[in-house]
Amino acid sequence: MRIIRFLDGQQKWLAAVTDDEQAYRLPQADFMTLIYQARKQGISPVQLVESAFKPLNKLTDDWTSLHLITPLEAPEVWAAGVTYQRSREARNYEATEGKLDAKTFYDKVYDAERPEIFFKSTAARTIGPLEAVTLRSDSNWQIPEPELGLVLAADGSIVGYIVGNDMSCRDIEGENPLYLPQAKMWRNSCSIGPAIRLAETVQNPYAFNIVCEIYREGEIVVKSEASTSELNRKLDELVSFLARDNDLFDGTVLLTGTSIVPPNDFTLAPGDRIEISISDIGTLINPVISN
């Protein structure tokens, strides 16, 4: 069961998408309201959603044709870094100018007890399906980072899974690790969607398949695939460090790192199209424009 949000005129609506791709309009105003209504009634979110299924609530057979927006307005988006071996290798390449045998602080954080967690975005800076991600004007080496996102309640519980794109400037981060906020956070540099997979419907979050395709002038120029089974950290571990001595807000999203990094000679260009698919969640599509 997945939850989407869409526009009908000026009105925002919540809807549920079943595993047979049928979409039903829901009465709840937003995703976290659905979660807390279910908790108050002592039932699962799926049970609450299914109780709203009525023939009059059924939408188009092709839910992807709706005017989709971010499935929730995440008050904060955080991200974890160097959680996959491929990410470790890429960060080392950036920091050592291609001398892959050099050891860096990225090696240390990969093996350390404490993970790397950084602030990525706010609701106002986060975009959804088919909205354009922008390229930073002072970077010459920019890539998408396809990631599984965790949707969190204020108590730190994982209530859903979402597709995320953590846009990154490899040259800025590689120049100096203290430049990380500038390498990660700028206008429209974070995208999430197109749906939230309810956590209770996921048997094994370490079995998600992630595919990234980048199109240029209608042709695929990058295609890579990975699995969350390659994660070096447990999801609960990442959440516990984010919540430690910190206030979590309902609907916070934690991106869990990437194992897909385009070739070192690749950088995004205006007009490119990024498609990130995660099995059982959906495909997040964003065009690329200049800032």
C-alpha atoms as a PDB file:
ATOM      1  CA  MET A   1       0.000   0.000   0.000  1.00  0.00           C
ATOM      2  CA  ARG A   2       1.328   3.403  -1.014  1.00  0.00           C
ATOM      3  CA  ILE A   3       0.174   6.917  -0.217  1.00  0.00           C
ATOM      4  CA  ILE A   4       0.332   9.732  -2.764  1.00  0.00           C
ATOM      5  CA  ARG A   5      -0.709  13.370  -2.807  1.00  0.00           C
ATOM      6  CA  PHE A   6      -2.018  15.181  -5.855  1.00  0.00           C
ATOM      7  CA  LEU A   7      -3.511  18.445  -7.028  1.00  0.00           C
ATOM      8  CA  ASP A   8      -7.029  18.704  -8.398  1.00  0.00           C
ATOM      9  CA  GLY A   9      -7.367  22.339  -9.416  1.00  0.00           C
ATOM     10  CA  GLN A  10      -6.041  24.214  -6.380  1.00  0.00           C
ATOM     11  CA  GLN A  11      -7.026  21.482  -3.912  1.00  0.00           C
ATOM     12  CA  LYS A  12      -4.486  19.052  -2.482  1.00  0.00           C
ATOM     13  CA  TRP A  13      -5.721  15.496  -1.958  1.00  0.00           C
ATOM     14  CA  LEU A  14      -4.344  12.378  -0.332  1.00  0.00           C
ATOM     15  CA  ALA A  15      -4.875   9.030  -2.039  1.00  0.00           C
ATOM     16  CA  ALA A  16      -3.969   5.395  -1.531  1.00  0.00           C
ATOM     17  CA  VAL A  17      -2.528   3.185  -4.258  1.00  0.00           C
ATOM     18  CA  THR A  18      -3.042  -0.544  -3.879  1.00  0.00           C
ATOM     19  CA  ASP A  19      -0.572  -3.152  -5.067  1.00  0.00           C
ATOM     20  CA  ASP A  20      -2.746  -3.728  -8.132  1.00  0.00           C
ATOM     21  CA  GLU A  21      -2.269  -0.040  -9.009  1.00  0.00           C
ATOM     22  CA  GLN A  22      -5.800   1.098  -8.114  1.00  0.00           C
ATOM     23  CA  ALA A  23      -5.972   4.588  -6.566  1.00  0.00           C
ATOM     24  CA  TYR A  24      -8.564   5.775  -4.043  1.00  0.00           C
ATOM     25  CA  ARG A  25      -9.084   9.291  -2.726  1.00  0.00           C
ATOM     26  CA  LEU A  26      -8.691   9.521   1.068  1.00  0.00           C
ATOM     27  CA  PRO A  27     -10.433  11.868   3.509  1.00  0.00           C
ATOM     28  CA  GLN A  28      -7.312  12.685   5.539  1.00  0.00           C
ATOM     29  CA  ALA A  29      -5.666  16.051   4.976  1.00  0.00           C
ATOM     30  CA  ASP A  30      -2.104  14.756   5.092  1.00  0.00           C
ATOM     31  CA  PHE A  31       0.012  11.663   5.617  1.00  0.00           C
ATOM     32  CA  MET A  32       0.801  12.098   9.307  1.00  0.00           C
ATOM     33  CA  THR A  33      -2.874  12.698  10.106  1.00  0.00           C
ATOM     34  CA  LEU A  34      -3.547   9.276   8.601  1.00  0.00           C
ATOM     35  CA  ILE A  35      -0.838   7.712  10.787  1.00  0.00           C
ATOM     36  CA  TYR A  36      -2.133   9.261  14.017  1.00  0.00           C
ATOM     37  CA  GLN A  37      -5.780   8.521  13.278  1.00  0.00           C
ATOM     38  CA  ALA A  38      -4.838   4.863  12.890  1.00  0.00           C
ATOM     39  CA  ARG A  39      -2.899   4.887  16.160  1.00  0.00           C
ATOM     40  CA  LYS A  40      -5.783   6.563  17.995  1.00  0.00           C
ATOM     41  CA  GLN A  41      -8.193   3.895  16.747  1.00  0.00           C
ATOM     42  CA  GLY A  42      -5.775   1.100  17.607  1.00  0.00           C
ATOM     43  CA  ILE A  43      -5.621  -0.184  14.037  1.00  0.00           C
ATOM     44  CA  SER A  44      -2.954  -0.244  11.355  1.00  0.00           C
ATOM     45  CA  PRO A  45      -2.705   2.519   8.734  1.00  0.00           C
ATOM     46  CA  VAL A  46      -3.560  -0.079   6.084  1.00  0.00           C
ATOM     47  CA  GLN A  47      -6.770  -0.984   7.899  1.00  0.00           C
ATOM     48  CA  LEU A  48      -7.697   2.685   8.178  1.00  0.00           C
ATOM     49  CA  VAL A  49      -6.968   3.264   4.493  1.00  0.00           C
ATOM     50  CA  GLU A  50      -8.961   0.232   3.380  1.00  0.00           C
ATOM     51  CA  SER A  51     -11.967   1.397   5.411  1.00  0.00           C
ATOM     52  CA  ALA A  52     -12.106   4.457   3.144  1.00  0.00           C
ATOM     53  CA  PHE A  53     -12.243   2.439  -0.086  1.00  0.00           C
ATOM     54  CA  LYS A  54     -15.528   3.156  -1.816  1.00  0.00           C
ATOM     55  CA  PRO A  55     -16.430   3.016  -5.513  1.00  0.00           C
ATOM     56  CA  LEU A  56     -17.011   6.792  -5.559  1.00  0.00           C
ATOM     57  CA  ASN A  57     -13.511   7.372  -4.200  1.00  0.00           C
ATOM     58  CA  LYS A  58     -11.792   5.447  -6.974  1.00  0.00           C
ATOM     59  CA  LEU A  59      -9.594   7.595  -9.183  1.00  0.00           C
ATOM     60  CA  THR A  60      -8.064   7.036 -12.623  1.00  0.00           C
ATOM     61  CA  ASP A  61      -6.591   3.602 -13.362  1.00  0.00           C
ATOM     62  CA  ASP A  62      -3.260   5.326 -14.078  1.00  0.00           C
ATOM     63  CA  TRP A  63      -2.349   7.114 -10.853  1.00  0.00           C
ATOM     64  CA  THR A  64       0.906   8.377 -12.366  1.00  0.00           C
ATOM     65  CA  SER A  65      -1.165  10.564 -14.695  1.00  0.00           C
ATOM     66  CA  LEU A  66      -2.416  12.599 -11.735  1.00  0.00           C
ATOM     67  CA  HIS A  67      -0.771  15.936 -10.918  1.00  0.00           C
ATOM     68  CA  LEU A  68       1.467  14.414  -8.260  1.00  0.00           C
ATOM     69  CA  ILE A  69       3.170  16.553  -5.632  1.00  0.00           C
ATOM     70  CA  THR A  70       5.406  15.608  -2.708  1.00  0.00           C
ATOM     71  CA  PRO A  71       3.556  12.890  -0.747  1.00  0.00           C
ATOM     72  CA  LEU A  72       4.063  14.938   2.397  1.00  0.00           C
ATOM     73  CA  GLU A  73       5.486  18.315   3.333  1.00  0.00           C
ATOM     74  CA  ALA A  74       8.552  17.107   5.189  1.00  0.00           C
ATOM     75  CA  PRO A  75       9.468  19.789   7.753  1.00  0.00           C
ATOM     76  CA  GLU A  76      13.076  18.631   7.574  1.00  0.00           C
ATOM     77  CA  VAL A  77      15.053  16.331   5.330  1.00  0.00           C
ATOM     78  CA  TRP A  78      18.260  14.869   6.736  1.00  0.00           C
ATOM     79  CA  ALA A  79      20.719  12.587   4.987  1.00  0.00           C
ATOM     80  CA  ALA A  80      23.293   9.992   5.906  1.00  0.00           C
ATOM     81  CA  GLY A  81      26.592   9.771   4.050  1.00  0.00           C
ATOM     82  CA  VAL A  82      29.147   7.067   3.286  1.00  0.00           C
ATOM     83  CA  THR A  83      26.750   4.257   4.155  1.00  0.00           C
ATOM     84  CA  TYR A  84      27.672   2.190   1.092  1.00  0.00           C
ATOM     85  CA  GLN A  85      31.085   1.054  -0.150  1.00  0.00           C
ATOM     86  CA  ARG A  86      30.489   2.766  -3.517  1.00  0.00           C
ATOM     87  CA  SER A  87      29.846   6.081  -1.775  1.00  0.00           C
ATOM     88  CA  ARG A  88      33.007   5.628   0.276  1.00  0.00           C
ATOM     89  CA  GLU A  89      35.032   5.101  -2.911  1.00  0.00           C
ATOM     90  CA  ALA A  90      33.489   8.128  -4.621  1.00  0.00           C
ATOM     91  CA  ARG A  91      34.099  10.451  -1.663  1.00  0.00           C
ATOM     92  CA  ASN A  92      37.703   9.247  -1.455  1.00  0.00           C
ATOM     93  CA  TYR A  93      38.181   9.945  -5.172  1.00  0.00           C
ATOM     94  CA  GLU A  94      36.909  13.493  -4.729  1.00  0.00           C
ATOM     95  CA  ALA A  95      39.050  14.171  -1.672  1.00  0.00           C
ATOM     96  CA  THR A  96      42.284  12.714  -3.048  1.00  0.00           C
ATOM     97  CA  GLU A  97      42.035  13.876  -6.672  1.00  0.00           C
ATOM     98  CA  GLY A  98      41.746  10.321  -7.929  1.00  0.00           C
ATOM     99  CA  LYS A  99      44.401   8.694  -5.744  1.00  0.00           C
ATOM    100  CA  LEU A 100      42.182   5.827  -4.689  1.00  0.00           C
ATOM    101  CA  ASP A 101      44.798   4.185  -2.470  1.00  0.00           C
ATOM    102  CA  ALA A 102      44.883   7.200  -0.152  1.00  0.00           C
ATOM    103  CA  LYS A 103      43.074   6.862   3.176  1.00  0.00           C
ATOM    104  CA  THR A 104      40.779   9.672   4.270  1.00  0.00           C
ATOM    105  CA  PHE A 105      38.253  10.594   6.945  1.00  0.00           C
ATOM    106  CA  TYR A 106      35.639   8.937   4.722  1.00  0.00           C
ATOM    107  CA  ASP A 107      37.259   5.598   5.476  1.00  0.00           C
ATOM    108  CA  LYS A 108      37.089   6.436   9.174  1.00  0.00           C
ATOM    109  CA  VAL A 109      33.406   7.363   9.153  1.00  0.00           C
ATOM    110  CA  TYR A 110      32.507   4.277   7.106  1.00  0.00           C
ATOM    111  CA  ASP A 111      33.875   2.047   9.876  1.00  0.00           C
ATOM    112  CA  ALA A 112      33.119   4.298  12.852  1.00  0.00           C
ATOM    113  CA  GLU A 113      30.378   3.760  15.409  1.00  0.00           C
ATOM    114  CA  ARG A 114      28.915   7.196  14.666  1.00  0.00           C
ATOM    115  CA  PRO A 115      27.533   7.661  11.127  1.00  0.00           C
ATOM    116  CA  GLU A 116      27.714  10.809   9.057  1.00  0.00           C
ATOM    117  CA  ILE A 117      24.357  12.622   9.236  1.00  0.00           C
ATOM    118  CA  PHE A 118      23.804  16.087   7.818  1.00  0.00           C
ATOM    119  CA  PHE A 119      20.932  18.492   7.278  1.00  0.00           C
ATOM    120  CA  LYS A 120      19.733  18.413   3.681  1.00  0.00           C
ATOM    121  CA  SER A 121      16.556  20.407   3.123  1.00  0.00           C
ATOM    122  CA  THR A 122      13.401  22.072   4.390  1.00  0.00           C
ATOM    123  CA  ALA A 123       9.860  21.746   3.068  1.00  0.00           C
ATOM    124  CA  ALA A 124      10.234  25.000   1.128  1.00  0.00           C
ATOM    125  CA  ARG A 125      13.369  23.722  -0.631  1.00  0.00           C
ATOM    126  CA  THR A 126      12.086  20.217  -1.359  1.00  0.00           C
ATOM    127  CA  ILE A 127      10.394  19.420  -4.656  1.00  0.00           C
ATOM    128  CA  GLY A 128       8.337  16.512  -5.944  1.00  0.00           C
ATOM    129  CA  PRO A 129       7.674  14.502  -9.112  1.00  0.00           C
ATOM    130  CA  LEU A 130       8.288  16.237 -12.466  1.00  0.00           C
ATOM    131  CA  GLU A 131       9.491  19.430 -10.780  1.00  0.00           C
ATOM    132  CA  ALA A 132      12.914  20.644 -11.888  1.00  0.00           C
ATOM    133  CA  VAL A 133      16.021  20.173  -9.789  1.00  0.00           C
ATOM    134  CA  THR A 134      18.480  23.004 -10.298  1.00  0.00           C
ATOM    135  CA  LEU A 135      22.215  23.036 -10.887  1.00  0.00           C
ATOM    136  CA  ARG A 136      24.357  25.088  -8.566  1.00  0.00           C
ATOM    137  CA  SER A 137      25.963  27.977 -10.471  1.00  0.00           C
ATOM    138  CA  ASP A 138      29.415  27.673  -8.842  1.00  0.00           C
ATOM    139  CA  SER A 139      29.946  23.947  -9.387  1.00  0.00           C
ATOM    140  CA  ASN A 140      31.222  22.085 -12.443  1.00  0.00           C
ATOM    141  CA  TRP A 141      30.721  18.524 -11.182  1.00  0.00           C
ATOM    142  CA  GLN A 142      27.157  17.734 -10.117  1.00  0.00           C
ATOM    143  CA  ILE A 143      25.276  14.469  -9.825  1.00  0.00           C
ATOM    144  CA  PRO A 144      22.069  13.009  -8.428  1.00  0.00           C
ATOM    145  CA  GLU A 145      22.301  10.627  -5.501  1.00  0.00           C
ATOM    146  CA  PRO A 146      19.441   8.090  -5.542  1.00  0.00           C
ATOM    147  CA  GLU A 147      18.499   7.113  -1.997  1.00  0.00           C
ATOM    148  CA  LEU A 148      15.918   5.270   0.033  1.00  0.00           C
ATOM    149  CA  GLY A 149      14.226   7.721   2.379  1.00  0.00           C
ATOM    150  CA  LEU A 150      12.687   6.942   5.751  1.00  0.00           C
ATOM    151  CA  VAL A 151       9.554   8.844   6.770  1.00  0.00           C
ATOM    152  CA  LEU A 152       9.639   9.326  10.543  1.00  0.00           C
ATOM    153  CA  ALA A 153       7.126  10.168  13.240  1.00  0.00           C
ATOM    154  CA  ALA A 154       8.180  12.455  16.086  1.00  0.00           C
ATOM    155  CA  ASP A 155       8.877   9.421  18.285  1.00  0.00           C
ATOM    156  CA  GLY A 156      11.471   8.176  15.792  1.00  0.00           C
ATOM    157  CA  SER A 157       9.382   5.312  14.433  1.00  0.00           C
ATOM    158  CA  ILE A 158       9.673   4.552  10.715  1.00  0.00           C
ATOM    159  CA  VAL A 159       6.179   4.966   9.255  1.00  0.00           C
ATOM    160  CA  GLY A 160       7.022   4.869   5.565  1.00  0.00           C
ATOM    161  CA  TYR A 161       9.598   4.590   2.796  1.00  0.00           C
ATOM    162  CA  ILE A 162      10.069   7.065  -0.051  1.00  0.00           C
ATOM    163  CA  VAL A 163      12.361   7.685  -3.046  1.00  0.00           C
ATOM    164  CA  GLY A 164      14.832  10.536  -2.594  1.00  0.00           C
ATOM    165  CA  ASN A 165      17.312  12.445  -4.759  1.00  0.00           C
ATOM    166  CA  ASP A 166      20.135  14.056  -2.776  1.00  0.00           C
ATOM    167  CA  MET A 167      21.703  16.323  -5.400  1.00  0.00           C
ATOM    168  CA  SER A 168      25.417  16.771  -4.793  1.00  0.00           C
ATOM    169  CA  CYS A 169      28.352  18.919  -5.969  1.00  0.00           C
ATOM    170  CA  ARG A 170      31.331  16.571  -6.017  1.00  0.00           C
ATOM    171  CA  ASP A 171      33.890  19.292  -6.664  1.00  0.00           C
ATOM    172  CA  ILE A 172      32.777  21.490  -3.773  1.00  0.00           C
ATOM    173  CA  GLU A 173      32.683  18.641  -1.269  1.00  0.00           C
ATOM    174  CA  GLY A 174      36.010  17.286  -2.516  1.00  0.00           C
ATOM    175  CA  GLU A 175      37.714  20.664  -2.158  1.00  0.00           C
ATOM    176  CA  ASN A 176      37.078  20.823   1.583  1.00  0.00           C
ATOM    177  CA  PRO A 177      34.789  18.735   3.833  1.00  0.00           C
ATOM    178  CA  LEU A 178      33.753  21.929   5.634  1.00  0.00           C
ATOM    179  CA  TYR A 179      32.020  22.936   2.407  1.00  0.00           C
ATOM    180  CA  LEU A 180      29.564  20.041   2.769  1.00  0.00           C
ATOM    181  CA  PRO A 181      26.494  22.258   3.425  1.00  0.00           C
ATOM    182  CA  GLN A 182      27.182  24.193   0.205  1.00  0.00           C
ATOM    183  CA  ALA A 183      27.819  20.965  -1.708  1.00  0.00           C
ATOM    184  CA  LYS A 184      24.474  19.568  -0.576  1.00  0.00           C
ATOM    185  CA  MET A 185      22.010  22.352   0.074  1.00  0.00           C
ATOM    186  CA  TRP A 186      20.761  24.951  -2.372  1.00  0.00           C
ATOM    187  CA  ARG A 187      17.524  25.861  -4.127  1.00  0.00           C
ATOM    188  CA  ASN A 188      15.633  22.774  -5.402  1.00  0.00           C
ATOM    189  CA  SER A 189      18.503  20.409  -4.604  1.00  0.00           C
ATOM    190  CA  CYS A 190      16.306  17.802  -2.926  1.00  0.00           C
ATOM    191  CA  SER A 191      13.478  15.803  -4.443  1.00  0.00           C
ATOM    192  CA  ILE A 192      11.202  13.183  -2.862  1.00  0.00           C
ATOM    193  CA  GLY A 193       8.270  11.093  -4.111  1.00  0.00           C
ATOM    194  CA  PRO A 194       6.271   9.920  -5.920  1.00  0.00           C
ATOM    195  CA  ALA A 195       4.699   7.811  -3.148  1.00  0.00           C
ATOM    196  CA  ILE A 196       5.190   6.653   0.418  1.00  0.00           C
ATOM    197  CA  ARG A 197       5.190   2.904   0.960  1.00  0.00           C
ATOM    198  CA  LEU A 198       3.568   2.252   4.339  1.00  0.00           C
ATOM    199  CA  ALA A 199       6.180   0.701   6.619  1.00  0.00           C
ATOM    200  CA  GLU A 200       3.937  -2.130   7.764  1.00  0.00           C
ATOM    201  CA  THR A 201       3.669  -3.392   4.174  1.00  0.00           C
ATOM    202  CA  VAL A 202       7.450  -3.776   3.783  1.00  0.00           C
ATOM    203  CA  GLN A 203       8.668  -7.216   4.784  1.00  0.00           C
ATOM    204  CA  ASN A 204      12.377  -6.490   4.331  1.00  0.00           C
ATOM    205  CA  PRO A 205      13.661  -2.920   3.818  1.00  0.00           C
ATOM    206  CA  TYR A 206      17.068  -4.357   2.915  1.00  0.00           C
ATOM    207  CA  ALA A 207      15.643  -5.900  -0.249  1.00  0.00           C
ATOM    208  CA  PHE A 208      14.724  -2.737  -2.130  1.00  0.00           C
ATOM    209  CA  ASN A 209      16.153  -2.519  -5.647  1.00  0.00           C
ATOM    210  CA  ILE A 210      17.245   0.981  -6.729  1.00  0.00           C
ATOM    211  CA  VAL A 211      17.731   2.014 -10.367  1.00  0.00           C
ATOM    212  CA  CYS A 212      18.915   5.388 -11.651  1.00  0.00           C
ATOM    213  CA  GLU A 213      18.634   6.432 -15.293  1.00  0.00           C
ATOM    214  CA  ILE A 214      19.811   9.788 -16.634  1.00  0.00           C
ATOM    215  CA  TYR A 215      18.598  10.879 -20.066  1.00  0.00           C
ATOM    216  CA  ARG A 216      20.215  13.495 -22.313  1.00  0.00           C
ATOM    217  CA  GLU A 217      18.525  14.484 -25.565  1.00  0.00           C
ATOM    218  CA  GLY A 218      16.275  11.433 -25.255  1.00  0.00           C
ATOM    219  CA  GLU A 219      19.132   8.949 -24.836  1.00  0.00           C
ATOM    220  CA  ILE A 220      20.226   7.138 -21.674  1.00  0.00           C
ATOM    221  CA  VAL A 221      23.695   8.366 -20.729  1.00  0.00           C
ATOM    222  CA  VAL A 222      23.863   6.798 -17.259  1.00  0.00           C
ATOM    223  CA  LYS A 223      22.139   3.700 -15.916  1.00  0.00           C
ATOM    224  CA  SER A 224      23.059   2.103 -12.599  1.00  0.00           C
ATOM    225  CA  GLU A 225      21.445  -0.334 -10.212  1.00  0.00           C
ATOM    226  CA  ALA A 226      21.935  -1.152  -6.555  1.00  0.00           C
ATOM    227  CA  SER A 227      20.224  -2.763  -3.580  1.00  0.00           C
ATOM    228  CA  THR A 228      19.672  -1.676  -0.006  1.00  0.00           C
ATOM    229  CA  SER A 229      21.164  -5.038   0.947  1.00  0.00           C
ATOM    230  CA  GLU A 230      24.517  -3.318   0.368  1.00  0.00           C
ATOM    231  CA  LEU A 231      23.955  -0.862   3.234  1.00  0.00           C
ATOM    232  CA  ASN A 232      26.762  -0.793   5.767  1.00  0.00           C
ATOM    233  CA  ARG A 233      24.418   0.530   8.472  1.00  0.00           C
ATOM    234  CA  LYS A 234      21.097  -0.585   9.891  1.00  0.00           C
ATOM    235  CA  LEU A 235      18.181   1.775   9.356  1.00  0.00           C
ATOM    236  CA  ASP A 236      17.272   1.870  13.046  1.00  0.00           C
ATOM    237  CA  GLU A 237      20.884   2.737  13.809  1.00  0.00           C
ATOM    238  CA  LEU A 238      20.752   5.785  11.513  1.00  0.00           C
ATOM    239  CA  VAL A 239      17.469   6.920  13.048  1.00  0.00           C
ATOM    240  CA  SER A 240      18.816   6.525  16.583  1.00  0.00           C
ATOM    241  CA  PHE A 241      21.740   8.850  15.867  1.00  0.00           C
ATOM    242  CA  LEU A 242      19.473  11.429  14.209  1.00  0.00           C
ATOM    243  CA  ALA A 243      17.147  11.370  17.224  1.00  0.00           C
ATOM    244  CA  ARG A 244      19.925  11.488  19.808  1.00  0.00           C
ATOM    245  CA  ASP A 245      19.576  14.720  21.845  1.00  0.00           C
ATOM    246  CA  ASN A 246      17.545  16.102  18.941  1.00  0.00           C
ATOM    247  CA  ASP A 247      13.912  17.028  18.333  1.00  0.00           C
ATOM    248  CA  LEU A 248      12.259  15.095  15.528  1.00  0.00           C
ATOM    249  CA  PHE A 249       9.211  16.530  13.815  1.00  0.00           C
ATOM    250  CA  ASP A 250       6.374  14.465  12.395  1.00  0.00           C
ATOM    251  CA  GLY A 251       7.060  13.740   8.734  1.00  0.00           C
ATOM    252  CA  THR A 252      10.824  14.200   8.916  1.00  0.00           C
ATOM    253  CA  VAL A 253      12.577  12.352   6.093  1.00  0.00           C
ATOM    254  CA  LEU A 254      15.975  10.699   6.556  1.00  0.00           C
ATOM    255  CA  LEU A 255      17.775   9.782   3.326  1.00  0.00           C
ATOM    256  CA  THR A 256      19.945   6.734   3.929  1.00  0.00           C
ATOM    257  CA  GLY A 257      22.845   7.222   1.513  1.00  0.00           C
ATOM    258  CA  THR A 258      23.613   6.094  -2.000  1.00  0.00           C
ATOM    259  CA  SER A 259      25.331   3.187  -3.682  1.00  0.00           C
ATOM    260  CA  ILE A 260      24.828   4.697  -7.146  1.00  0.00           C
ATOM    261  CA  VAL A 261      27.397   7.232  -8.300  1.00  0.00           C
ATOM    262  CA  PRO A 262      27.751   8.128 -12.014  1.00  0.00           C
ATOM    263  CA  PRO A 263      31.175   7.745 -13.675  1.00  0.00           C
ATOM    264  CA  ASN A 264      33.787  10.220 -12.484  1.00  0.00           C
ATOM    265  CA  ASP A 265      33.813  12.017 -15.843  1.00  0.00           C
ATOM    266  CA  PHE A 266      30.058  12.662 -15.748  1.00  0.00           C
ATOM    267  CA  THR A 267      28.271  15.830 -14.664  1.00  0.00           C
ATOM    268  CA  LEU A 268      24.629  16.817 -15.039  1.00  0.00           C
ATOM    269  CA  ALA A 269      23.649  19.398 -17.660  1.00  0.00           C
ATOM    270  CA  PRO A 270      20.554  21.551 -18.185  1.00  0.00           C
ATOM    271  CA  GLY A 271      17.952  19.563 -20.114  1.00  0.00           C
ATOM    272  CA  ASP A 272      18.879  16.211 -18.555  1.00  0.00           C
ATOM    273  CA  ARG A 273      16.147  14.063 -17.003  1.00  0.00           C
ATOM    274  CA  ILE A 274      16.730  11.985 -13.864  1.00  0.00           C
ATOM    275  CA  GLU A 275      14.622   8.897 -13.191  1.00  0.00           C
ATOM    276  CA  ILE A 276      15.077   7.111  -9.863  1.00  0.00           C
ATOM    277  CA  SER A 277      13.086   3.939  -9.260  1.00  0.00           C
ATOM    278  CA  ILE A 278      12.816   1.926  -6.062  1.00  0.00           C
ATOM    279  CA  SER A 279      10.991  -1.377  -6.203  1.00  0.00           C
ATOM    280  CA  ASP A 280       7.513  -1.358  -4.639  1.00  0.00           C
ATOM    281  CA  ILE A 281       7.607   2.431  -4.178  1.00  0.00           C
ATOM    282  CA  GLY A 282       7.720   4.059  -7.621  1.00  0.00           C
ATOM    283  CA  THR A 283       9.752   6.203  -9.997  1.00  0.00           C
ATOM    284  CA  LEU A 284      10.766   9.750  -9.144  1.00  0.00           C
ATOM    285  CA  ILE A 285      11.304  11.818 -12.302  1.00  0.00           C
ATOM    286  CA  ASN A 286      12.884  15.275 -12.335  1.00  0.00           C
ATOM    287  CA  PRO A 287      14.154  17.433 -15.221  1.00  0.00           C
ATOM    288  CA  VAL A 288      17.344  19.419 -14.699  1.00  0.00           C
ATOM    289  CA  ILE A 289      17.647  23.197 -15.194  1.00  0.00           C
ATOM    290  CA  SER A 290      20.201  25.907 -14.458  1.00  0.00           C
ATOM    291  CA  ASN A 291      19.878  27.848 -11.244  1.00  0.00           C
END
